[in-house]
PDB file of N, CA and C in Angstrom:
ATOM      1  N   MET A   1      51.744  93.385  12.766  1.00  0.00           N
ATOM      2  CA  MET A   1      51.989  92.210  13.568  1.00  0.00           C
ATOM      3  C   MET A   1      51.818  90.948  12.735  1.00  0.00           C
ATOM      4  N   VAL A   2      50.778  90.923  11.884  1.00  0.00           N
ATOM      5  CA  VAL A   2      50.556  89.757  11.026  1.00  0.00           C
ATOM      6  C   VAL A   2      51.739  89.563  10.097  1.00  0.00           C
ATOM      7  N   ARG A   3      52.251  90.650   9.531  1.00  0.00           N
ATOM      8  CA  ARG A   3      53.390  90.575   8.615  1.00  0.00           C
ATOM      9  C   ARG A   3      54.587  89.928   9.296  1.00  0.00           C
ATOM     10  N   VAL A   4      54.864  90.324  10.539  1.00  0.00           N
ATOM     11  CA  VAL A   4      55.986  89.753  11.284  1.00  0.00           C
ATOM     12  C   VAL A   4      55.769  88.261  11.510  1.00  0.00           C
ATOM     13  N   GLY A   5      54.542  87.888  11.899  1.00  0.00           N
ATOM     14  CA  GLY A   5      54.234  86.482  12.144  1.00  0.00           C
ATOM     15  C   GLY A   5      54.347  85.650  10.879  1.00  0.00           C
ATOM     16  N   MET A   6      53.815  86.154   9.763  1.00  0.00           N
ATOM     17  CA  MET A   6      53.891  85.415   8.509  1.00  0.00           C
ATOM     18  C   MET A   6      55.338  85.297   8.046  1.00  0.00           C
ATOM     19  N   THR A   7      56.103  86.353   8.180  1.00  0.00           N
ATOM     20  CA  THR A   7      57.509  86.306   7.794  1.00  0.00           C
ATOM     21  C   THR A   7      58.237  85.224   8.576  1.00  0.00           C
ATOM     22  N   ARG A   8      57.999  85.130   9.863  1.00  0.00           N
ATOM     23  CA  ARG A   8      58.645  84.108  10.700  1.00  0.00           C
ATOM     24  C   ARG A   8      58.254  82.713  10.242  1.00  0.00           C
ATOM     25  N   VAL A   9      56.974  82.496   9.969  1.00  0.00           N
ATOM     26  CA  VAL A   9      56.503  81.185   9.500  1.00  0.00           C
ATOM     27  C   VAL A   9      57.190  80.812   8.188  1.00  0.00           C
ATOM     28  N   LEU A  10      57.260  81.755   7.279  1.00  0.00           N
ATOM     29  CA  LEU A  10      57.862  81.475   5.974  1.00  0.00           C
ATOM     30  C   LEU A  10      59.357  81.190   6.089  1.00  0.00           C
ATOM     31  N   VAL A  11      60.062  81.996   6.859  1.00  0.00           N
ATOM     32  CA  VAL A  11      61.502  81.798   7.036  1.00  0.00           C
ATOM     33  C   VAL A  11      61.769  80.464   7.738  1.00  0.00           C
ATOM     34  N   ASP A  12      61.013  80.175   8.788  1.00  0.00           N
ATOM     35  CA  ASP A  12      61.176  78.899   9.492  1.00  0.00           C
ATOM     36  C   ASP A  12      60.867  77.719   8.582  1.00  0.00           C
ATOM     37  N   GLY A  13      59.994  77.934   7.592  1.00  0.00           N
ATOM     38  CA  GLY A  13      59.652  76.882   6.640  1.00  0.00           C
ATOM     39  C   GLY A  13      60.636  76.757   5.496  1.00  0.00           C
ATOM     40  N   GLY A  14      61.663  77.607   5.488  1.00  0.00           N
ATOM     41  CA  GLY A  14      62.704  77.504   4.464  1.00  0.00           C
ATOM     42  C   GLY A  14      62.551  78.454   3.298  1.00  0.00           C
ATOM     43  N   ALA A  15      61.602  79.380   3.350  1.00  0.00           N
ATOM     44  CA  ALA A  15      61.388  80.312   2.246  1.00  0.00           C
ATOM     45  C   ALA A  15      62.272  81.544   2.393  1.00  0.00           C
ATOM     46  N   GLU A  16      62.630  82.094   1.270  1.00  0.00           N
ATOM     47  CA  GLU A  16      63.318  83.388   1.263  1.00  0.00           C
ATOM     48  C   GLU A  16      62.231  84.453   1.178  1.00  0.00           C
ATOM     49  N   VAL A  17      62.221  85.372   2.105  1.00  0.00           N
ATOM     50  CA  VAL A  17      61.204  86.409   2.147  1.00  0.00           C
ATOM     51  C   VAL A  17      61.846  87.721   1.730  1.00  0.00           C
ATOM     52  N   LEU A  18      61.278  88.303   0.685  1.00  0.00           N
ATOM     53  CA  LEU A  18      61.769  89.587   0.215  1.00  0.00           C
ATOM     54  C   LEU A  18      61.085  90.697   0.997  1.00  0.00           C
ATOM     55  N   PRO A  19      61.683  91.864   1.021  1.00  0.00           N
ATOM     56  CA  PRO A  19      61.033  92.981   1.714  1.00  0.00           C
ATOM     57  C   PRO A  19      59.642  93.215   1.137  1.00  0.00           C
ATOM     58  N   GLU A  20      58.755  93.691   1.981  1.00  0.00           N
ATOM     59  CA  GLU A  20      57.385  93.955   1.531  1.00  0.00           C
ATOM     60  C   GLU A  20      57.411  94.989   0.419  1.00  0.00           C
ATOM     61  N   VAL A  21      56.751  94.656  -0.667  1.00  0.00           N
ATOM     62  CA  VAL A  21      56.658  95.575  -1.793  1.00  0.00           C
ATOM     63  C   VAL A  21      55.206  95.662  -2.225  1.00  0.00           C
ATOM     64  N   GLY A  22      54.865  96.754  -2.834  1.00  0.00           N
ATOM     65  CA  GLY A  22      53.511  96.959  -3.325  1.00  0.00           C
ATOM     66  C   GLY A  22      53.563  97.455  -4.755  1.00  0.00           C
ATOM     67  N   PRO A  23      52.426  97.820  -5.301  1.00  0.00           N
ATOM     68  CA  PRO A  23      52.386  98.242  -6.700  1.00  0.00           C
ATOM     69  C   PRO A  23      53.309  99.422  -6.984  1.00  0.00           C
ATOM     70  N   GLU A  24      53.388 100.337  -6.029  1.00  0.00           N
ATOM     71  CA  GLU A  24      54.255 101.498  -6.226  1.00  0.00           C
ATOM     72  C   GLU A  24      55.738 101.150  -6.129  1.00  0.00           C
ATOM     73  N   ASP A  25      56.041  99.973  -5.606  1.00  0.00           N
ATOM     74  CA  ASP A  25      57.429  99.523  -5.474  1.00  0.00           C
ATOM     75  C   ASP A  25      57.836  98.584  -6.598  1.00  0.00           C
ATOM     76  N   GLY A  26      56.975  98.398  -7.587  1.00  0.00           N
ATOM     77  CA  GLY A  26      57.314  97.546  -8.712  1.00  0.00           C
ATOM     78  C   GLY A  26      57.144  96.061  -8.452  1.00  0.00           C
ATOM     79  N   LEU A  27      56.146  95.677  -7.681  1.00  0.00           N
ATOM     80  CA  LEU A  27      55.921  94.270  -7.364  1.00  0.00           C
ATOM     81  C   LEU A  27      55.815  93.409  -8.617  1.00  0.00           C
ATOM     82  N   VAL A  28      55.041  93.840  -9.590  1.00  0.00           N
ATOM     83  CA  VAL A  28      54.843  93.050 -10.801  1.00  0.00           C
ATOM     84  C   VAL A  28      56.147  92.949 -11.588  1.00  0.00           C
ATOM     85  N   ASP A  29      56.860  94.049 -11.717  1.00  0.00           N
ATOM     86  CA  ASP A  29      58.154  94.023 -12.416  1.00  0.00           C
ATOM     87  C   ASP A  29      59.149  93.128 -11.695  1.00  0.00           C
ATOM     88  N   ARG A  30      59.126  93.170 -10.397  1.00  0.00           N
ATOM     89  CA  ARG A  30      60.041  92.338  -9.608  1.00  0.00           C
ATOM     90  C   ARG A  30      59.717  90.854  -9.780  1.00  0.00           C
ATOM     91  N   ALA A  31      58.432  90.523  -9.808  1.00  0.00           N
ATOM     92  CA  ALA A  31      58.030  89.132 -10.039  1.00  0.00           C
ATOM     93  C   ALA A  31      58.483  88.666 -11.420  1.00  0.00           C
ATOM     94  N   ALA A  32      58.381  89.533 -12.416  1.00  0.00           N
ATOM     95  CA  ALA A  32      58.817  89.181 -13.769  1.00  0.00           C
ATOM     96  C   ALA A  32      60.322  88.970 -13.831  1.00  0.00           C
ATOM     97  N   ALA A  33      61.072  89.815 -13.136  1.00  0.00           N
ATOM     98  CA  ALA A  33      62.533  89.732 -13.184  1.00  0.00           C
ATOM     99  C   ALA A  33      63.085  88.576 -12.354  1.00  0.00           C
ATOM    100  N   GLU A  34      62.495  88.336 -11.194  1.00  0.00           N
ATOM    101  CA  GLU A  34      63.059  87.342 -10.274  1.00  0.00           C
ATOM    102  C   GLU A  34      62.480  85.943 -10.442  1.00  0.00           C
ATOM    103  N   ARG A  35      61.349  85.821 -11.132  1.00  0.00           N
ATOM    104  CA  ARG A  35      60.725  84.516 -11.388  1.00  0.00           C
ATOM    105  C   ARG A  35      60.647  83.644 -10.128  1.00  0.00           C
ATOM    106  N   PRO A  36      59.943  84.102  -9.096  1.00  0.00           N
ATOM    107  CA  PRO A  36      59.859  83.327  -7.853  1.00  0.00           C
ATOM    108  C   PRO A  36      59.053  82.055  -8.052  1.00  0.00           C
ATOM    109  N   ASP A  37      59.245  81.103  -7.153  1.00  0.00           N
ATOM    110  CA  ASP A  37      58.449  79.878  -7.168  1.00  0.00           C
ATOM    111  C   ASP A  37      57.051  80.146  -6.624  1.00  0.00           C
ATOM    112  N   VAL A  38      56.971  81.048  -5.649  1.00  0.00           N
ATOM    113  CA  VAL A  38      55.702  81.353  -4.981  1.00  0.00           C
ATOM    114  C   VAL A  38      55.638  82.849  -4.700  1.00  0.00           C
ATOM    115  N   VAL A  39      54.452  83.412  -4.876  1.00  0.00           N
ATOM    116  CA  VAL A  39      54.193  84.794  -4.467  1.00  0.00           C
ATOM    117  C   VAL A  39      53.012  84.742  -3.496  1.00  0.00           C
ATOM    118  N   VAL A  40      53.196  85.330  -2.323  1.00  0.00           N
ATOM    119  CA  VAL A  40      52.125  85.405  -1.333  1.00  0.00           C
ATOM    120  C   VAL A  40      51.663  86.853  -1.260  1.00  0.00           C
ATOM    121  N   LEU A  41      50.377  87.048  -1.506  1.00  0.00           N
ATOM    122  CA  LEU A  41      49.799  88.385  -1.442  1.00  0.00           C
ATOM    123  C   LEU A  41      48.790  88.446  -0.298  1.00  0.00           C
ATOM    124  N   ALA A  42      48.753  89.568   0.358  1.00  0.00           N
ATOM    125  CA  ALA A  42      47.691  89.817   1.328  1.00  0.00           C
ATOM    126  C   ALA A  42      46.403  90.020   0.541  1.00  0.00           C
ATOM    127  N   GLU A  43      45.295  89.727   1.171  1.00  0.00           N
ATOM    128  CA  GLU A  43      43.996  89.835   0.496  1.00  0.00           C
ATOM    129  C   GLU A  43      43.763  91.234  -0.081  1.00  0.00           C
ATOM    130  N   TRP A  44      44.244  92.275   0.594  1.00  0.00           N
ATOM    131  CA  TRP A  44      44.031  93.635   0.105  1.00  0.00           C
ATOM    132  C   TRP A  44      44.761  93.883  -1.218  1.00  0.00           C
ATOM    133  N   ALA A  45      45.741  93.054  -1.550  1.00  0.00           N
ATOM    134  CA  ALA A  45      46.507  93.212  -2.793  1.00  0.00           C
ATOM    135  C   ALA A  45      46.008  92.274  -3.890  1.00  0.00           C
ATOM    136  N   TYR A  46      44.835  91.663  -3.683  1.00  0.00           N
ATOM    137  CA  TYR A  46      44.270  90.697  -4.621  1.00  0.00           C
ATOM    138  C   TYR A  46      44.221  91.230  -6.049  1.00  0.00           C
ATOM    139  N   ALA A  47      43.959  92.513  -6.218  1.00  0.00           N
ATOM    140  CA  ALA A  47      43.851  93.113  -7.553  1.00  0.00           C
ATOM    141  C   ALA A  47      45.133  92.955  -8.365  1.00  0.00           C
ATOM    142  N   LEU A  48      46.247  92.730  -7.704  1.00  0.00           N
ATOM    143  CA  LEU A  48      47.516  92.540  -8.408  1.00  0.00           C
ATOM    144  C   LEU A  48      47.708  91.106  -8.906  1.00  0.00           C
ATOM    145  N   GLY A  49      46.832  90.195  -8.486  1.00  0.00           N
ATOM    146  CA  GLY A  49      46.997  88.780  -8.783  1.00  0.00           C
ATOM    147  C   GLY A  49      47.143  88.452 -10.251  1.00  0.00           C
ATOM    148  N   ASP A  50      46.262  88.981 -11.101  1.00  0.00           N
ATOM    149  CA  ASP A  50      46.339  88.678 -12.534  1.00  0.00           C
ATOM    150  C   ASP A  50      47.636  89.182 -13.140  1.00  0.00           C
ATOM    151  N   ALA A  51      48.049  90.376 -12.755  1.00  0.00           N
ATOM    152  CA  ALA A  51      49.299  90.929 -13.288  1.00  0.00           C
ATOM    153  C   ALA A  51      50.506  90.115 -12.834  1.00  0.00           C
ATOM    154  N   VAL A  52      50.494  89.669 -11.578  1.00  0.00           N
ATOM    155  CA  VAL A  52      51.589  88.837 -11.068  1.00  0.00           C
ATOM    156  C   VAL A  52      51.619  87.504 -11.801  1.00  0.00           C
ATOM    157  N   ARG A  53      50.453  86.907 -12.039  1.00  0.00           N
ATOM    158  CA  ARG A  53      50.405  85.622 -12.753  1.00  0.00           C
ATOM    159  C   ARG A  53      50.910  85.759 -14.181  1.00  0.00           C
ATOM    160  N   ARG A  54      50.612  86.878 -14.840  1.00  0.00           N
ATOM    161  CA  ARG A  54      51.138  87.098 -16.200  1.00  0.00           C
ATOM    162  C   ARG A  54      52.643  87.329 -16.169  1.00  0.00           C
ATOM    163  N   ALA A  55      53.121  88.037 -15.159  1.00  0.00           N
ATOM    164  CA  ALA A  55      54.550  88.357 -15.063  1.00  0.00           C
ATOM    165  C   ALA A  55      55.395  87.147 -14.682  1.00  0.00           C
ATOM    166  N   ALA A  56      54.848  86.258 -13.867  1.00  0.00           N
ATOM    167  CA  ALA A  56      55.583  85.073 -13.399  1.00  0.00           C
ATOM    168  C   ALA A  56      54.660  83.858 -13.526  1.00  0.00           C
ATOM    169  N   PRO A  57      54.414  83.394 -14.754  1.00  0.00           N
ATOM    170  CA  PRO A  57      53.424  82.337 -14.970  1.00  0.00           C
ATOM    171  C   PRO A  57      53.765  80.994 -14.328  1.00  0.00           C
ATOM    172  N   ALA A  58      55.012  80.756 -14.007  1.00  0.00           N
ATOM    173  CA  ALA A  58      55.400  79.486 -13.382  1.00  0.00           C
ATOM    174  C   ALA A  58      55.298  79.533 -11.860  1.00  0.00           C
ATOM    175  N   ALA A  59      54.954  80.683 -11.315  1.00  0.00           N
ATOM    176  CA  ALA A  59      54.872  80.830  -9.859  1.00  0.00           C
ATOM    177  C   ALA A  59      53.497  80.436  -9.342  1.00  0.00           C
ATOM    178  N   LYS A  60      53.475  79.835  -8.176  1.00  0.00           N
ATOM    179  CA  LYS A  60      52.226  79.597  -7.450  1.00  0.00           C
ATOM    180  C   LYS A  60      51.885  80.916  -6.770  1.00  0.00           C
ATOM    181  N   LEU A  61      50.636  81.333  -6.880  1.00  0.00           N
ATOM    182  CA  LEU A  61      50.177  82.561  -6.236  1.00  0.00           C
ATOM    183  C   LEU A  61      49.258  82.177  -5.090  1.00  0.00           C
ATOM    184  N   ILE A  62      49.566  82.675  -3.899  1.00  0.00           N
ATOM    185  CA  ILE A  62      48.746  82.432  -2.723  1.00  0.00           C
ATOM    186  C   ILE A  62      48.235  83.777  -2.217  1.00  0.00           C
ATOM    187  N   VAL A  63      46.919  83.887  -2.108  1.00  0.00           N
ATOM    188  CA  VAL A  63      46.300  85.095  -1.564  1.00  0.00           C
ATOM    189  C   VAL A  63      45.799  84.741  -0.172  1.00  0.00           C
ATOM    190  N   TRP A  64      46.393  85.377   0.827  1.00  0.00           N
ATOM    191  CA  TRP A  64      46.139  85.090   2.243  1.00  0.00           C
ATOM    192  C   TRP A  64      45.002  85.983   2.711  1.00  0.00           C
ATOM    193  N   SER A  65      43.956  85.394   3.295  1.00  0.00           N
ATOM    194  CA  SER A  65      42.812  86.191   3.733  1.00  0.00           C
ATOM    195  C   SER A  65      43.213  87.104   4.890  1.00  0.00           C
ATOM    196  N   SER A  66      42.528  88.234   4.975  1.00  0.00           N
ATOM    197  CA  SER A  66      42.868  89.215   6.005  1.00  0.00           C
ATOM    198  C   SER A  66      42.595  88.705   7.412  1.00  0.00           C
ATOM    199  N   ASP A  67      41.653  87.767   7.542  1.00  0.00           N
ATOM    200  CA  ASP A  67      41.383  87.221   8.869  1.00  0.00           C
ATOM    201  C   ASP A  67      42.194  85.955   9.151  1.00  0.00           C
ATOM    202  N   GLU A  68      43.071  85.597   8.224  1.00  0.00           N
ATOM    203  CA  GLU A  68      43.995  84.462   8.357  1.00  0.00           C
ATOM    204  C   GLU A  68      43.297  83.115   8.534  1.00  0.00           C
ATOM    205  N   THR A  69      42.067  82.974   8.024  1.00  0.00           N
ATOM    206  CA  THR A  69      41.363  81.709   8.161  1.00  0.00           C
ATOM    207  C   THR A  69      41.384  80.874   6.893  1.00  0.00           C
ATOM    208  N   SER A  70      41.831  81.463   5.791  1.00  0.00           N
ATOM    209  CA  SER A  70      41.859  80.728   4.531  1.00  0.00           C
ATOM    210  C   SER A  70      42.848  81.370   3.577  1.00  0.00           C
ATOM    211  N   MET A  71      43.129  80.626   2.518  1.00  0.00           N
ATOM    212  CA  MET A  71      43.945  81.172   1.449  1.00  0.00           C
ATOM    213  C   MET A  71      43.401  80.665   0.128  1.00  0.00           C
ATOM    214  N   THR A  72      43.579  81.452  -0.900  1.00  0.00           N
ATOM    215  CA  THR A  72      43.212  81.068  -2.250  1.00  0.00           C
ATOM    216  C   THR A  72      44.511  80.798  -2.981  1.00  0.00           C
ATOM    217  N   VAL A  73      44.612  79.607  -3.581  1.00  0.00           N
ATOM    218  CA  VAL A  73      45.854  79.178  -4.210  1.00  0.00           C
ATOM    219  C   VAL A  73      45.644  79.052  -5.706  1.00  0.00           C
ATOM    220  N   TYR A  74      46.463  79.759  -6.460  1.00  0.00           N
ATOM    221  CA  TYR A  74      46.456  79.685  -7.916  1.00  0.00           C
ATOM    222  C   TYR A  74      47.705  78.906  -8.328  1.00  0.00           C
ATOM    223  N   ASP A  75      47.502  77.650  -8.712  1.00  0.00           N
ATOM    224  CA  ASP A  75      48.627  76.833  -9.148  1.00  0.00           C
ATOM    225  C   ASP A  75      49.003  77.217 -10.575  1.00  0.00           C
ATOM    226  N   PRO A  76      50.291  77.141 -10.923  1.00  0.00           N
ATOM    227  CA  PRO A  76      50.706  77.491 -12.286  1.00  0.00           C
ATOM    228  C   PRO A  76      49.936  76.674 -13.322  1.00  0.00           C
ATOM    229  N   GLY A  77      49.393  77.352 -14.315  1.00  0.00           N
ATOM    230  CA  GLY A  77      48.690  76.687 -15.399  1.00  0.00           C
ATOM    231  C   GLY A  77      47.269  76.262 -15.098  1.00  0.00           C
ATOM    232  N   ALA A  78      46.832  76.366 -13.847  1.00  0.00           N
ATOM    233  CA  ALA A  78      45.470  75.964 -13.484  1.00  0.00           C
ATOM    234  C   ALA A  78      44.473  77.030 -13.920  1.00  0.00           C
ATOM    235  N   ALA A  79      43.335  76.590 -14.408  1.00  0.00           N
ATOM    236  CA  ALA A  79      42.311  77.522 -14.864  1.00  0.00           C
ATOM    237  C   ALA A  79      41.567  78.180 -13.703  1.00  0.00           C
ATOM    238  N   ALA A  80      41.436  77.454 -12.605  1.00  0.00           N
ATOM    239  CA  ALA A  80      40.683  77.967 -11.466  1.00  0.00           C
ATOM    240  C   ALA A  80      41.504  77.810 -10.186  1.00  0.00           C
ATOM    241  N   PRO A  81      41.291  78.700  -9.228  1.00  0.00           N
ATOM    242  CA  PRO A  81      42.020  78.608  -7.960  1.00  0.00           C
ATOM    243  C   PRO A  81      41.435  77.539  -7.047  1.00  0.00           C
ATOM    244  N   ARG A  82      42.195  77.194  -6.018  1.00  0.00           N
ATOM    245  CA  ARG A  82      41.747  76.300  -4.949  1.00  0.00           C
ATOM    246  C   ARG A  82      41.607  77.125  -3.677  1.00  0.00           C
ATOM    247  N   ARG A  83      40.617  76.795  -2.866  1.00  0.00           N
ATOM    248  CA  ARG A  83      40.482  77.418  -1.545  1.00  0.00           C
ATOM    249  C   ARG A  83      41.014  76.450  -0.510  1.00  0.00           C
ATOM    250  N   VAL A  84      41.829  76.941   0.377  1.00  0.00           N
ATOM    251  CA  VAL A  84      42.347  76.144   1.481  1.00  0.00           C
ATOM    252  C   VAL A  84      41.776  76.758   2.749  1.00  0.00           C
ATOM    253  N   SER A  85      40.915  76.010   3.419  1.00  0.00           N
ATOM    254  CA  SER A  85      40.214  76.542   4.589  1.00  0.00           C
ATOM    255  C   SER A  85      41.131  76.722   5.782  1.00  0.00           C
ATOM    256  N   SER A  86      42.043  75.814   5.974  1.00  0.00           N
ATOM    257  CA  SER A  86      42.962  75.933   7.099  1.00  0.00           C
ATOM    258  C   SER A  86      44.128  76.809   6.683  1.00  0.00           C
ATOM    259  N   ALA A  87      44.182  77.976   7.252  1.00  0.00           N
ATOM    260  CA  ALA A  87      45.300  78.863   6.958  1.00  0.00           C
ATOM    261  C   ALA A  87      46.284  78.868   8.120  1.00  0.00           C
ATOM    262  N   ALA A  88      46.322  77.764   8.844  1.00  0.00           N
ATOM    263  CA  ALA A  88      47.300  77.634   9.920  1.00  0.00           C
ATOM    264  C   ALA A  88      48.687  77.754   9.310  1.00  0.00           C
ATOM    265  N   PRO A  89      49.653  78.202  10.075  1.00  0.00           N
ATOM    266  CA  PRO A  89      51.006  78.340   9.533  1.00  0.00           C
ATOM    267  C   PRO A  89      51.509  77.087   8.825  1.00  0.00           C
ATOM    268  N   GLU A  90      51.168  75.930   9.343  1.00  0.00           N
ATOM    269  CA  GLU A  90      51.626  74.686   8.726  1.00  0.00           C
ATOM    270  C   GLU A  90      51.047  74.510   7.327  1.00  0.00           C
ATOM    271  N   ALA A  91      49.787  74.938   7.125  1.00  0.00           N
ATOM    272  CA  ALA A  91      49.150  74.829   5.810  1.00  0.00           C
ATOM    273  C   ALA A  91      49.853  75.730   4.800  1.00  0.00           C
ATOM    274  N   LEU A  92      50.255  76.919   5.227  1.00  0.00           N
ATOM    275  CA  LEU A  92      50.977  77.819   4.333  1.00  0.00           C
ATOM    276  C   LEU A  92      52.324  77.225   3.959  1.00  0.00           C
ATOM    277  N   VAL A  93      53.051  76.714   4.927  1.00  0.00           N
ATOM    278  CA  VAL A  93      54.356  76.105   4.654  1.00  0.00           C
ATOM    279  C   VAL A  93      54.182  74.899   3.731  1.00  0.00           C
ATOM    280  N   GLU A  94      53.124  74.125   3.939  1.00  0.00           N
ATOM    281  CA  GLU A  94      52.865  72.970   3.068  1.00  0.00           C
ATOM    282  C   GLU A  94      52.638  73.430   1.630  1.00  0.00           C
ATOM    283  N   GLU A  95      51.898  74.493   1.441  1.00  0.00           N
ATOM    284  CA  GLU A  95      51.688  75.028   0.088  1.00  0.00           C
ATOM    285  C   GLU A  95      52.996  75.496  -0.530  1.00  0.00           C
ATOM    286  N   LEU A  96      53.848  76.087   0.283  1.00  0.00           N
ATOM    287  CA  LEU A  96      55.112  76.601  -0.234  1.00  0.00           C
ATOM    288  C   LEU A  96      56.087  75.483  -0.607  1.00  0.00           C
ATOM    289  N   THR A  97      56.092  74.440   0.193  1.00  0.00           N
ATOM    290  CA  THR A  97      57.071  73.370  -0.031  1.00  0.00           C
ATOM    291  C   THR A  97      56.511  72.209  -0.830  1.00  0.00           C
ATOM    292  N   GLY A  98      55.173  72.111  -0.887  1.00  0.00           N
ATOM    293  CA  GLY A  98      54.560  71.010  -1.602  1.00  0.00           C
ATOM    294  C   GLY A  98      54.618  69.706  -0.849  1.00  0.00           C
ATOM    295  N   SER A  99      54.890  69.763   0.470  1.00  0.00           N
ATOM    296  CA  SER A  99      54.953  68.546   1.267  1.00  0.00           C
ATOM    297  C   SER A  99      54.188  68.725   2.570  1.00  0.00           C
ATOM    298  N   ALA A 100      53.778  67.628   3.118  1.00  0.00           N
ATOM    299  CA  ALA A 100      53.060  67.682   4.391  1.00  0.00           C
ATOM    300  C   ALA A 100      54.005  68.076   5.503  1.00  0.00           C
ATOM    301  N   PRO A 101      53.535  68.822   6.500  1.00  0.00           N
ATOM    302  CA  PRO A 101      54.407  69.242   7.612  1.00  0.00           C
ATOM    303  C   PRO A 101      54.825  68.059   8.451  1.00  0.00           C
TER     304      PRO A 101
END
């Protein structure tokens, strides 16, 4: 249910959402080949974060908490992540677009 809700928020915000992929589906290879602007990972996939950042260093990486109350944002080239306490749909769209809702 969360996946459906997040997909709707992202699409409504203007993002292209690729089918859900995981490590067994070549997520890291796909990030390297497609060079996305943003990669959003569920908290359970956090372990893939470093590999995704190496594969697509220009991409912003957002790790969405499982309880949907916060997100950790890794900006390209930044040494440390930022925590965003409001994980409301508008906050996610703002991170994706770089503009206020």
